Amino acid sequence: MSSLPQPTVFQLYLPETGQTLAARADDTLLQTLLRAGVAWPASCRNGTCRACMGRLVQGRVRYAIEWPGLLPEEKATGCVLPCAAYPLEDVTLSGPGA
């Protein structure tokens, strides 16, 4: 009997709290945060309301949709919408308002 391949898991580091979370490549950053009990603002969960916006300090993410709800200037300064962002590697994420 063969086992199913395990999903790739990265680290999601939150500098404000010092927490390091296991972030599956097939889960959004917001799913990882909420599963770990991190209080993170969110509303739409599809990249349009911007309530969950944080800043990607380090690492890369991918989006399953066209660039969601961010202005080019925000994207250039590292803003990310965790509700629609999937990790491509270990990431460091600063919280809303940071």
PDB file of N, CA and C in Angstrom:
ATOM      1  N   MET A   1       0.840  -1.183   0.000  1.00  0.00           N
ATOM      2  CA  MET A   1       0.000   0.000   0.000  1.00  0.00           C
ATOM      3  C   MET A   1       0.885   1.247   0.000  1.00  0.00           C
ATOM      4  N   SER A   2       0.688   2.099  -0.969  1.00  0.00           N
ATOM      5  CA  SER A   2       1.513   3.311  -1.035  1.00  0.00           C
ATOM      6  C   SER A   2       0.824   4.452  -0.281  1.00  0.00           C
ATOM      7  N   SER A   3       1.650   5.302   0.279  1.00  0.00           N
ATOM      8  CA  SER A   3       1.091   6.443   1.007  1.00  0.00           C
ATOM      9  C   SER A   3       1.029   7.650   0.083  1.00  0.00           C
ATOM     10  N   LEU A   4       0.096   8.521   0.378  1.00  0.00           N
ATOM     11  CA  LEU A   4      -0.032   9.750  -0.410  1.00  0.00           C
ATOM     12  C   LEU A   4       1.122  10.681  -0.084  1.00  0.00           C
ATOM     13  N   PRO A   5       1.578  11.457  -1.068  1.00  0.00           N
ATOM     14  CA  PRO A   5       2.662  12.397  -0.780  1.00  0.00           C
ATOM     15  C   PRO A   5       2.187  13.465   0.214  1.00  0.00           C
ATOM     16  N   GLN A   6       3.054  13.829   1.111  1.00  0.00           N
ATOM     17  CA  GLN A   6       2.750  14.852   2.099  1.00  0.00           C
ATOM     18  C   GLN A   6       2.922  16.235   1.464  1.00  0.00           C
ATOM     19  N   PRO A   7       2.066  17.186   1.835  1.00  0.00           N
ATOM     20  CA  PRO A   7       2.214  18.532   1.277  1.00  0.00           C
ATOM     21  C   PRO A   7       3.499  19.185   1.777  1.00  0.00           C
ATOM     22  N   THR A   8       4.029  20.056   0.962  1.00  0.00           N
ATOM     23  CA  THR A   8       5.213  20.815   1.347  1.00  0.00           C
ATOM     24  C   THR A   8       4.839  21.759   2.476  1.00  0.00           C
ATOM     25  N   VAL A   9       5.710  21.838   3.473  1.00  0.00           N
ATOM     26  CA  VAL A   9       5.456  22.704   4.623  1.00  0.00           C
ATOM     27  C   VAL A   9       6.620  23.675   4.782  1.00  0.00           C
ATOM     28  N   PHE A  10       6.277  24.944   4.923  1.00  0.00           N
ATOM     29  CA  PHE A  10       7.257  26.004   5.145  1.00  0.00           C
ATOM     30  C   PHE A  10       7.053  26.581   6.536  1.00  0.00           C
ATOM     31  N   GLN A  11       7.914  27.511   6.907  1.00  0.00           N
ATOM     32  CA  GLN A  11       7.766  28.212   8.176  1.00  0.00           C
ATOM     33  C   GLN A  11       7.199  29.604   7.926  1.00  0.00           C
ATOM     34  N   LEU A  12       6.248  29.990   8.754  1.00  0.00           N
ATOM     35  CA  LEU A  12       5.675  31.331   8.736  1.00  0.00           C
ATOM     36  C   LEU A  12       6.069  31.974  10.058  1.00  0.00           C
ATOM     37  N   TYR A  13       6.938  32.974   9.992  1.00  0.00           N
ATOM     38  CA  TYR A  13       7.450  33.635  11.190  1.00  0.00           C
ATOM     39  C   TYR A  13       6.752  34.975  11.378  1.00  0.00           C
ATOM     40  N   LEU A  14       6.290  35.240  12.604  1.00  0.00           N
ATOM     41  CA  LEU A  14       5.622  36.491  12.965  1.00  0.00           C
ATOM     42  C   LEU A  14       6.527  37.256  13.922  1.00  0.00           C
ATOM     43  N   PRO A  15       7.244  38.280  13.435  1.00  0.00           N
ATOM     44  CA  PRO A  15       8.215  38.970  14.286  1.00  0.00           C
ATOM     45  C   PRO A  15       7.604  39.672  15.494  1.00  0.00           C
ATOM     46  N   GLU A  16       6.369  40.139  15.392  1.00  0.00           N
ATOM     47  CA  GLU A  16       5.759  40.857  16.512  1.00  0.00           C
ATOM     48  C   GLU A  16       5.557  39.954  17.732  1.00  0.00           C
ATOM     49  N   THR A  17       5.282  38.678  17.487  1.00  0.00           N
ATOM     50  CA  THR A  17       5.023  37.753  18.597  1.00  0.00           C
ATOM     51  C   THR A  17       6.136  36.737  18.790  1.00  0.00           C
ATOM     52  N   GLY A  18       7.027  36.625  17.804  1.00  0.00           N
ATOM     53  CA  GLY A  18       8.090  35.626  17.870  1.00  0.00           C
ATOM     54  C   GLY A  18       7.620  34.219  17.540  1.00  0.00           C
ATOM     55  N   GLN A  19       6.389  34.079  17.056  1.00  0.00           N
ATOM     56  CA  GLN A  19       5.841  32.763  16.723  1.00  0.00           C
ATOM     57  C   GLN A  19       6.361  32.284  15.372  1.00  0.00           C
ATOM     58  N   THR A  20       6.604  30.985  15.294  1.00  0.00           N
ATOM     59  CA  THR A  20       6.902  30.326  14.033  1.00  0.00           C
ATOM     60  C   THR A  20       5.851  29.244  13.840  1.00  0.00           C
ATOM     61  N   LEU A  21       5.145  29.311  12.728  1.00  0.00           N
ATOM     62  CA  LEU A  21       4.054  28.391  12.433  1.00  0.00           C
ATOM     63  C   LEU A  21       4.412  27.526  11.236  1.00  0.00           C
ATOM     64  N   ALA A  22       3.864  26.322  11.202  1.00  0.00           N
ATOM     65  CA  ALA A  22       4.019  25.441  10.047  1.00  0.00           C
ATOM     66  C   ALA A  22       2.987  25.859   9.003  1.00  0.00           C
ATOM     67  N   ALA A  23       3.463  26.279   7.832  1.00  0.00           N
ATOM     68  CA  ALA A  23       2.590  26.786   6.772  1.00  0.00           C
ATOM     69  C   ALA A  23       2.627  25.834   5.583  1.00  0.00           C
ATOM     70  N   ARG A  24       1.527  25.138   5.368  1.00  0.00           N
ATOM     71  CA  ARG A  24       1.443  24.232   4.222  1.00  0.00           C
ATOM     72  C   ARG A  24       1.364  25.031   2.924  1.00  0.00           C
ATOM     73  N   ALA A  25       2.014  24.538   1.904  1.00  0.00           N
ATOM     74  CA  ALA A  25       2.023  25.214   0.603  1.00  0.00           C
ATOM     75  C   ALA A  25       0.640  25.267  -0.021  1.00  0.00           C
ATOM     76  N   ASP A  26      -0.263  24.365   0.377  1.00  0.00           N
ATOM     77  CA  ASP A  26      -1.599  24.343  -0.207  1.00  0.00           C
ATOM     78  C   ASP A  26      -2.643  25.042   0.673  1.00  0.00           C
ATOM     79  N   ASP A  27      -2.203  25.749   1.704  1.00  0.00           N
ATOM     80  CA  ASP A  27      -3.078  26.577   2.538  1.00  0.00           C
ATOM     81  C   ASP A  27      -2.663  28.035   2.413  1.00  0.00           C
ATOM     82  N   THR A  28      -3.638  28.938   2.481  1.00  0.00           N
ATOM     83  CA  THR A  28      -3.287  30.360   2.478  1.00  0.00           C
ATOM     84  C   THR A  28      -2.607  30.705   3.795  1.00  0.00           C
ATOM     85  N   LEU A  29      -1.898  31.819   3.799  1.00  0.00           N
ATOM     86  CA  LEU A  29      -1.278  32.274   5.037  1.00  0.00           C
ATOM     87  C   LEU A  29      -2.344  32.516   6.104  1.00  0.00           C
ATOM     88  N   LEU A  30      -3.507  33.044   5.702  1.00  0.00           N
ATOM     89  CA  LEU A  30      -4.575  33.291   6.665  1.00  0.00           C
ATOM     90  C   LEU A  30      -5.066  31.977   7.274  1.00  0.00           C
ATOM     91  N   GLN A  31      -5.223  30.935   6.483  1.00  0.00           N
ATOM     92  CA  GLN A  31      -5.638  29.639   7.025  1.00  0.00           C
ATOM     93  C   GLN A  31      -4.634  29.155   8.070  1.00  0.00           C
ATOM     94  N   THR A  32      -3.357  29.333   7.792  1.00  0.00           N
ATOM     95  CA  THR A  32      -2.314  28.945   8.745  1.00  0.00           C
ATOM     96  C   THR A  32      -2.425  29.749  10.032  1.00  0.00           C
ATOM     97  N   LEU A  33      -2.594  31.063   9.892  1.00  0.00           N
ATOM     98  CA  LEU A  33      -2.707  31.936  11.068  1.00  0.00           C
ATOM     99  C   LEU A  33      -3.904  31.551  11.933  1.00  0.00           C
ATOM    100  N   LEU A  34      -5.061  31.390  11.316  1.00  0.00           N
ATOM    101  CA  LEU A  34      -6.278  31.095  12.068  1.00  0.00           C
ATOM    102  C   LEU A  34      -6.226  29.707  12.709  1.00  0.00           C
ATOM    103  N   ARG A  35      -5.664  28.741  11.995  1.00  0.00           N
ATOM    104  CA  ARG A  35      -5.539  27.386  12.545  1.00  0.00           C
ATOM    105  C   ARG A  35      -4.670  27.385  13.803  1.00  0.00           C
ATOM    106  N   ALA A  36      -3.682  28.280  13.847  1.00  0.00           N
ATOM    107  CA  ALA A  36      -2.785  28.371  15.004  1.00  0.00           C
ATOM    108  C   ALA A  36      -3.363  29.247  16.112  1.00  0.00           C
ATOM    109  N   GLY A  37      -4.548  29.814  15.889  1.00  0.00           N
ATOM    110  CA  GLY A  37      -5.173  30.640  16.911  1.00  0.00           C
ATOM    111  C   GLY A  37      -4.680  32.067  16.950  1.00  0.00           C
ATOM    112  N   VAL A  38      -4.008  32.505  15.891  1.00  0.00           N
ATOM    113  CA  VAL A  38      -3.518  33.882  15.822  1.00  0.00           C
ATOM    114  C   VAL A  38      -4.689  34.804  15.493  1.00  0.00           C
ATOM    115  N   ALA A  39      -4.853  35.845  16.283  1.00  0.00           N
ATOM    116  CA  ALA A  39      -5.908  36.831  16.020  1.00  0.00           C
ATOM    117  C   ALA A  39      -5.441  37.722  14.869  1.00  0.00           C
ATOM    118  N   TRP A  40      -6.025  37.540  13.703  1.00  0.00           N
ATOM    119  CA  TRP A  40      -5.645  38.292  12.499  1.00  0.00           C
ATOM    120  C   TRP A  40      -6.933  38.775  11.851  1.00  0.00           C
ATOM    121  N   PRO A  41      -7.056  40.064  11.581  1.00  0.00           N
ATOM    122  CA  PRO A  41      -8.301  40.561  10.982  1.00  0.00           C
ATOM    123  C   PRO A  41      -8.522  39.980   9.581  1.00  0.00           C
ATOM    124  N   ALA A  42      -9.757  39.674   9.285  1.00  0.00           N
ATOM    125  CA  ALA A  42     -10.118  39.150   7.969  1.00  0.00           C
ATOM    126  C   ALA A  42     -11.615  39.315   7.782  1.00  0.00           C
ATOM    127  N   SER A  43     -12.017  39.431   6.525  1.00  0.00           N
ATOM    128  CA  SER A  43     -13.434  39.542   6.239  1.00  0.00           C
ATOM    129  C   SER A  43     -13.790  38.701   5.020  1.00  0.00           C
ATOM    130  N   CYS A  44     -13.411  39.147   3.831  1.00  0.00           N
ATOM    131  CA  CYS A  44     -13.887  38.519   2.601  1.00  0.00           C
ATOM    132  C   CYS A  44     -13.232  37.172   2.299  1.00  0.00           C
ATOM    133  N   ARG A  45     -11.982  37.018   2.655  1.00  0.00           N
ATOM    134  CA  ARG A  45     -11.184  35.811   2.400  1.00  0.00           C
ATOM    135  C   ARG A  45     -10.972  35.524   0.911  1.00  0.00           C
ATOM    136  N   ASN A  46     -11.076  36.574   0.086  1.00  0.00           N
ATOM    137  CA  ASN A  46     -10.817  36.365  -1.344  1.00  0.00           C
ATOM    138  C   ASN A  46      -9.990  37.477  -1.971  1.00  0.00           C
ATOM    139  N   GLY A  47      -9.344  38.309  -1.161  1.00  0.00           N
ATOM    140  CA  GLY A  47      -8.417  39.310  -1.685  1.00  0.00           C
ATOM    141  C   GLY A  47      -9.028  40.621  -2.114  1.00  0.00           C
ATOM    142  N   THR A  48     -10.261  40.910  -1.703  1.00  0.00           N
ATOM    143  CA  THR A  48     -10.862  42.171  -2.150  1.00  0.00           C
ATOM    144  C   THR A  48     -11.047  43.198  -1.040  1.00  0.00           C
ATOM    145  N   CYS A  49     -11.303  42.784   0.187  1.00  0.00           N
ATOM    146  CA  CYS A  49     -11.642  43.763   1.235  1.00  0.00           C
ATOM    147  C   CYS A  49     -10.412  44.412   1.867  1.00  0.00           C
ATOM    148  N   ARG A  50      -9.274  43.778   1.816  1.00  0.00           N
ATOM    149  CA  ARG A  50      -8.000  44.289   2.327  1.00  0.00           C
ATOM    150  C   ARG A  50      -7.902  44.302   3.850  1.00  0.00           C
ATOM    151  N   ALA A  51      -8.869  43.742   4.550  1.00  0.00           N
ATOM    152  CA  ALA A  51      -8.849  43.744   6.014  1.00  0.00           C
ATOM    153  C   ALA A  51      -7.649  42.988   6.575  1.00  0.00           C
ATOM    154  N   CYS A  52      -7.165  42.000   5.880  1.00  0.00           N
ATOM    155  CA  CYS A  52      -6.083  41.147   6.385  1.00  0.00           C
ATOM    156  C   CYS A  52      -4.689  41.610   5.968  1.00  0.00           C
ATOM    157  N   MET A  53      -4.573  42.724   5.279  1.00  0.00           N
ATOM    158  CA  MET A  53      -3.295  43.145   4.707  1.00  0.00           C
ATOM    159  C   MET A  53      -2.172  43.151   5.745  1.00  0.00           C
ATOM    160  N   GLY A  54      -1.067  42.567   5.376  1.00  0.00           N
ATOM    161  CA  GLY A  54       0.148  42.576   6.178  1.00  0.00           C
ATOM    162  C   GLY A  54       1.317  42.926   5.277  1.00  0.00           C
ATOM    163  N   ARG A  55       2.516  42.814   5.820  1.00  0.00           N
ATOM    164  CA  ARG A  55       3.717  43.115   5.037  1.00  0.00           C
ATOM    165  C   ARG A  55       4.616  41.887   5.024  1.00  0.00           C
ATOM    166  N   LEU A  56       4.964  41.458   3.830  1.00  0.00           N
ATOM    167  CA  LEU A  56       5.868  40.324   3.656  1.00  0.00           C
ATOM    168  C   LEU A  56       7.294  40.856   3.822  1.00  0.00           C
ATOM    169  N   VAL A  57       7.901  40.546   4.954  1.00  0.00           N
ATOM    170  CA  VAL A  57       9.245  41.035   5.276  1.00  0.00           C
ATOM    171  C   VAL A  57      10.298  40.208   4.561  1.00  0.00           C
ATOM    172  N   GLN A  58      10.014  38.910   4.456  1.00  0.00           N
ATOM    173  CA  GLN A  58      10.964  38.001   3.826  1.00  0.00           C
ATOM    174  C   GLN A  58      10.198  36.836   3.226  1.00  0.00           C
ATOM    175  N   GLY A  59      10.694  36.326   2.110  1.00  0.00           N
ATOM    176  CA  GLY A  59      10.076  35.169   1.475  1.00  0.00           C
ATOM    177  C   GLY A  59       9.231  35.563   0.276  1.00  0.00           C
ATOM    178  N   ARG A  60       8.631  34.545  -0.331  1.00  0.00           N
ATOM    179  CA  ARG A  60       7.804  34.748  -1.525  1.00  0.00           C
ATOM    180  C   ARG A  60       6.490  34.008  -1.358  1.00  0.00           C
ATOM    181  N   VAL A  61       5.446  34.554  -1.984  1.00  0.00           N
ATOM    182  CA  VAL A  61       4.131  33.926  -1.992  1.00  0.00           C
ATOM    183  C   VAL A  61       3.613  33.887  -3.418  1.00  0.00           C
ATOM    184  N   ARG A  62       2.591  33.086  -3.616  1.00  0.00           N
ATOM    185  CA  ARG A  62       1.893  33.043  -4.904  1.00  0.00           C
ATOM    186  C   ARG A  62       0.417  33.291  -4.626  1.00  0.00           C
ATOM    187  N   TYR A  63      -0.284  33.726  -5.649  1.00  0.00           N
ATOM    188  CA  TYR A  63      -1.724  33.929  -5.558  1.00  0.00           C
ATOM    189  C   TYR A  63      -2.400  33.011  -6.565  1.00  0.00           C
ATOM    190  N   ALA A  64      -3.523  32.435  -6.189  1.00  0.00           N
ATOM    191  CA  ALA A  64      -4.272  31.569  -7.093  1.00  0.00           C
ATOM    192  C   ALA A  64      -5.205  32.386  -7.986  1.00  0.00           C
ATOM    193  N   ILE A  65      -5.274  33.688  -7.737  1.00  0.00           N
ATOM    194  CA  ILE A  65      -6.114  34.605  -8.515  1.00  0.00           C
ATOM    195  C   ILE A  65      -5.233  35.727  -9.044  1.00  0.00           C
ATOM    196  N   GLU A  66      -5.748  36.507  -9.984  1.00  0.00           N
ATOM    197  CA  GLU A  66      -5.015  37.676 -10.441  1.00  0.00           C
ATOM    198  C   GLU A  66      -4.661  38.521  -9.237  1.00  0.00           C
ATOM    199  N   TRP A  67      -3.646  39.358  -9.355  1.00  0.00           N
ATOM    200  CA  TRP A  67      -3.165  40.112  -8.194  1.00  0.00           C
ATOM    201  C   TRP A  67      -4.348  40.708  -7.450  1.00  0.00           C
ATOM    202  N   PRO A  68      -4.588  40.259  -6.239  1.00  0.00           N
ATOM    203  CA  PRO A  68      -5.778  40.683  -5.494  1.00  0.00           C
ATOM    204  C   PRO A  68      -5.611  42.034  -4.820  1.00  0.00           C
ATOM    205  N   GLY A  69      -6.581  42.864  -4.907  1.00  0.00           N
ATOM    206  CA  GLY A  69      -6.784  44.070  -4.140  1.00  0.00           C
ATOM    207  C   GLY A  69      -5.617  44.909  -3.679  1.00  0.00           C
ATOM    208  N   LEU A  70      -4.476  44.880  -4.317  1.00  0.00           N
ATOM    209  CA  LEU A  70      -3.337  45.690  -3.902  1.00  0.00           C
ATOM    210  C   LEU A  70      -2.929  46.639  -5.018  1.00  0.00           C
ATOM    211  N   LEU A  71      -2.591  47.837  -4.619  1.00  0.00           N
ATOM    212  CA  LEU A  71      -2.064  48.815  -5.572  1.00  0.00           C
ATOM    213  C   LEU A  71      -0.622  48.449  -5.921  1.00  0.00           C
ATOM    214  N   PRO A  72      -0.133  48.847  -7.099  1.00  0.00           N
ATOM    215  CA  PRO A  72       1.258  48.546  -7.452  1.00  0.00           C
ATOM    216  C   PRO A  72       2.250  49.061  -6.408  1.00  0.00           C
ATOM    217  N   GLU A  73       1.965  50.225  -5.819  1.00  0.00           N
ATOM    218  CA  GLU A  73       2.860  50.788  -4.799  1.00  0.00           C
ATOM    219  C   GLU A  73       2.879  49.901  -3.553  1.00  0.00           C
ATOM    220  N   GLU A  74       1.734  49.359  -3.199  1.00  0.00           N
ATOM    221  CA  GLU A  74       1.658  48.469  -2.032  1.00  0.00           C
ATOM    222  C   GLU A  74       2.430  47.178  -2.298  1.00  0.00           C
ATOM    223  N   LYS A  75       2.231  46.645  -3.488  1.00  0.00           N
ATOM    224  CA  LYS A  75       2.946  45.428  -3.868  1.00  0.00           C
ATOM    225  C   LYS A  75       4.456  45.666  -3.802  1.00  0.00           C
ATOM    226  N   ALA A  76       4.908  46.818  -4.296  1.00  0.00           N
ATOM    227  CA  ALA A  76       6.335  47.145  -4.320  1.00  0.00           C
ATOM    228  C   ALA A  76       6.927  47.278  -2.923  1.00  0.00           C
ATOM    229  N   THR A  77       6.108  47.643  -1.940  1.00  0.00           N
ATOM    230  CA  THR A  77       6.618  47.796  -0.571  1.00  0.00           C
ATOM    231  C   THR A  77       6.401  46.547   0.272  1.00  0.00           C
ATOM    232  N   GLY A  78       5.959  45.456  -0.347  1.00  0.00           N
ATOM    233  CA  GLY A  78       5.850  44.188   0.355  1.00  0.00           C
ATOM    234  C   GLY A  78       4.498  43.864   0.936  1.00  0.00           C
ATOM    235  N   CYS A  79       3.491  44.664   0.632  1.00  0.00           N
ATOM    236  CA  CYS A  79       2.156  44.356   1.147  1.00  0.00           C
ATOM    237  C   CYS A  79       1.675  43.040   0.552  1.00  0.00           C
ATOM    238  N   VAL A  80       0.937  42.319   1.369  1.00  0.00           N
ATOM    239  CA  VAL A  80       0.428  41.014   0.967  1.00  0.00           C
ATOM    240  C   VAL A  80      -0.950  40.830   1.602  1.00  0.00           C
ATOM    241  N   LEU A  81      -1.797  40.084   0.923  1.00  0.00           N
ATOM    242  CA  LEU A  81      -3.114  39.750   1.456  1.00  0.00           C
ATOM    243  C   LEU A  81      -3.096  38.273   1.840  1.00  0.00           C
ATOM    244  N   PRO A  82      -2.901  37.973   3.131  1.00  0.00           N
ATOM    245  CA  PRO A  82      -2.769  36.586   3.576  1.00  0.00           C
ATOM    246  C   PRO A  82      -3.951  35.688   3.220  1.00  0.00           C
ATOM    247  N   CYS A  83      -5.138  36.257   3.019  1.00  0.00           N
ATOM    248  CA  CYS A  83      -6.300  35.428   2.707  1.00  0.00           C
ATOM    249  C   CYS A  83      -6.194  34.769   1.338  1.00  0.00           C
ATOM    250  N   ALA A  84      -5.350  35.308   0.472  1.00  0.00           N
ATOM    251  CA  ALA A  84      -5.234  34.785  -0.889  1.00  0.00           C
ATOM    252  C   ALA A  84      -3.798  34.408  -1.252  1.00  0.00           C
ATOM    253  N   ALA A  85      -2.880  34.485  -0.275  1.00  0.00           N
ATOM    254  CA  ALA A  85      -1.461  34.237  -0.526  1.00  0.00           C
ATOM    255  C   ALA A  85      -1.042  32.862  -0.009  1.00  0.00           C
ATOM    256  N   TYR A  86      -0.350  32.108  -0.861  1.00  0.00           N
ATOM    257  CA  TYR A  86       0.165  30.784  -0.517  1.00  0.00           C
ATOM    258  C   TYR A  86       1.688  30.865  -0.461  1.00  0.00           C
ATOM    259  N   PRO A  87       2.327  30.288   0.550  1.00  0.00           N
ATOM    260  CA  PRO A  87       3.789  30.392   0.644  1.00  0.00           C
ATOM    261  C   PRO A  87       4.497  29.572  -0.434  1.00  0.00           C
ATOM    262  N   LEU A  88       5.570  30.152  -0.958  1.00  0.00           N
ATOM    263  CA  LEU A  88       6.450  29.438  -1.886  1.00  0.00           C
ATOM    264  C   LEU A  88       7.743  29.015  -1.211  1.00  0.00           C
ATOM    265  N   GLU A  89       7.982  29.563  -0.017  1.00  0.00           N
ATOM    266  CA  GLU A  89       9.172  29.280   0.779  1.00  0.00           C
ATOM    267  C   GLU A  89       8.893  29.778   2.193  1.00  0.00           C
ATOM    268  N   ASP A  90       9.856  29.676   3.079  1.00  0.00           N
ATOM    269  CA  ASP A  90       9.681  30.242   4.417  1.00  0.00           C
ATOM    270  C   ASP A  90       9.421  31.729   4.288  1.00  0.00           C
ATOM    271  N   VAL A  91       8.468  32.243   5.089  1.00  0.00           N
ATOM    272  CA  VAL A  91       8.113  33.655   5.011  1.00  0.00           C
ATOM    273  C   VAL A  91       8.092  34.292   6.404  1.00  0.00           C
ATOM    274  N   THR A  92       8.361  35.586   6.414  1.00  0.00           N
ATOM    275  CA  THR A  92       8.212  36.409   7.606  1.00  0.00           C
ATOM    276  C   THR A  92       7.128  37.421   7.295  1.00  0.00           C
ATOM    277  N   LEU A  93       6.116  37.484   8.157  1.00  0.00           N
ATOM    278  CA  LEU A  93       4.947  38.309   7.905  1.00  0.00           C
ATOM    279  C   LEU A  93       4.716  39.241   9.092  1.00  0.00           C
ATOM    280  N   SER A  94       4.751  40.551   8.812  1.00  0.00           N
ATOM    281  CA  SER A  94       4.412  41.539   9.836  1.00  0.00           C
ATOM    282  C   SER A  94       2.916  41.761   9.803  1.00  0.00           C
ATOM    283  N   GLY A  95       2.375  41.977  10.987  1.00  0.00           N
ATOM    284  CA  GLY A  95       0.929  42.090  11.120  1.00  0.00           C
ATOM    285  C   GLY A  95       0.338  43.372  10.596  1.00  0.00           C
ATOM    286  N   PRO A  96      -0.970  43.411  10.583  1.00  0.00           N
ATOM    287  CA  PRO A  96      -1.686  44.585  10.126  1.00  0.00           C
ATOM    288  C   PRO A  96      -1.248  45.809  10.940  1.00  0.00           C
ATOM    289  N   GLY A  97      -1.016  46.886  10.240  1.00  0.00           N
ATOM    290  CA  GLY A  97      -0.604  48.118  10.895  1.00  0.00           C
ATOM    291  C   GLY A  97       0.854  48.166  11.276  1.00  0.00           C
ATOM    292  N   ALA A  98       1.613  47.113  10.985  1.00  0.00           N
ATOM    293  CA  ALA A  98       3.035  47.087  11.347  1.00  0.00           C
ATOM    294  C   ALA A  98       3.865  47.800  10.312  1.00  0.00           C
TER     295      ALA A  98
END
